[in-house]
Amino acid sequence: MKTESKIEKNRFKNFSAEKKLELAIQLRNSAIELKRAALREFHPTWSEEKVVEEVKKIFLYART
């Protein structure tokens, strides 16, 4: 497993800054879409505007 981890680490290390940014944006967009889908599932009566508003709040105040 350690060698696989090193290979992955080296793979991303060789990416250009532009490619890293592109991947980060794609990851963020995927997270937003997943959260939207989850909120729609948990709150089927919410309007689309309410879902979008809640997603914005969630990501605005998110912590790692």
Protein backbone atom coordinates (compact mmCIF):
# COMPACT_ATOMS: atom_id res chain seq x y z
CA MET A 1 0.00 0.00 0.00
CA LYS A 2 2.80 2.42 0.74
CA THR A 3 4.14 2.20 -2.79
CA GLU A 4 0.67 2.84 -4.24
CA SER A 5 0.35 5.91 -2.06
CA LYS A 6 3.75 7.16 -3.20
CA ILE A 7 2.83 6.62 -6.83
CA GLU A 8 -0.39 8.64 -6.40
CA LYS A 9 1.46 11.36 -4.53
CA ASN A 10 4.10 11.63 -7.24
CA ARG A 11 1.44 11.64 -9.94
CA PHE A 12 -0.24 14.74 -8.49
CA LYS A 13 3.11 16.31 -7.69
CA ASN A 14 3.90 16.36 -11.40
CA PHE A 15 0.64 18.11 -12.36
CA SER A 16 0.80 21.74 -13.37
CA ALA A 17 -0.81 24.35 -11.13
CA GLU A 18 -3.53 24.77 -13.74
CA LYS A 19 -4.33 21.04 -13.69
CA LYS A 20 -4.40 20.98 -9.87
CA LEU A 21 -6.79 23.93 -9.83
CA GLU A 22 -9.00 22.27 -12.44
CA LEU A 23 -9.18 19.09 -10.34
CA ALA A 24 -9.95 21.08 -7.19
CA ILE A 25 -12.81 22.88 -8.94
CA GLN A 26 -14.20 19.59 -10.25
CA LEU A 27 -14.05 18.10 -6.76
CA ARG A 28 -15.81 21.13 -5.27
CA ASN A 29 -18.53 21.01 -7.92
CA SER A 30 -19.06 17.30 -7.30
CA ALA A 31 -19.38 17.91 -3.56
CA ILE A 32 -21.96 20.64 -4.17
CA GLU A 33 -24.00 18.40 -6.47
CA LEU A 34 -23.92 15.54 -3.95
CA LYS A 35 -25.05 17.86 -1.16
CA ARG A 36 -27.85 19.21 -3.37
CA ALA A 37 -29.04 15.68 -4.11
CA ALA A 38 -28.91 14.75 -0.42
CA LEU A 39 -30.90 17.81 0.62
CA ARG A 40 -33.53 17.10 -2.05
CA GLU A 41 -33.80 13.53 -0.75
CA PHE A 42 -34.06 14.57 2.91
CA HIS A 43 -36.36 17.55 2.26
CA PRO A 44 -38.61 16.73 -0.72
CA THR A 45 -40.95 19.63 0.06
CA TRP A 46 -38.21 22.28 -0.24
CA SER A 47 -38.20 24.45 -3.33
CA GLU A 48 -35.14 24.50 -5.58
CA GLU A 49 -34.36 28.00 -4.31
CA LYS A 50 -34.37 26.75 -0.70
CA VAL A 51 -32.06 23.85 -1.60
CA VAL A 52 -29.62 26.19 -3.37
CA GLU A 53 -29.71 28.61 -0.41
CA GLU A 54 -28.98 25.83 2.08
CA VAL A 55 -26.13 24.44 -0.02
CA LYS A 56 -24.56 27.91 -0.17
CA LYS A 57 -24.82 28.23 3.63
CA ILE A 58 -23.38 24.77 4.20
CA PHE A 59 -20.34 25.42 2.03
CA LEU A 60 -19.87 28.97 3.26
CA TYR A 61 -19.56 27.82 6.88
CA ALA A 62 -17.88 24.46 6.19
CA ARG A 63 -14.87 23.51 8.25
CA THR A 64 -12.23 20.88 7.74
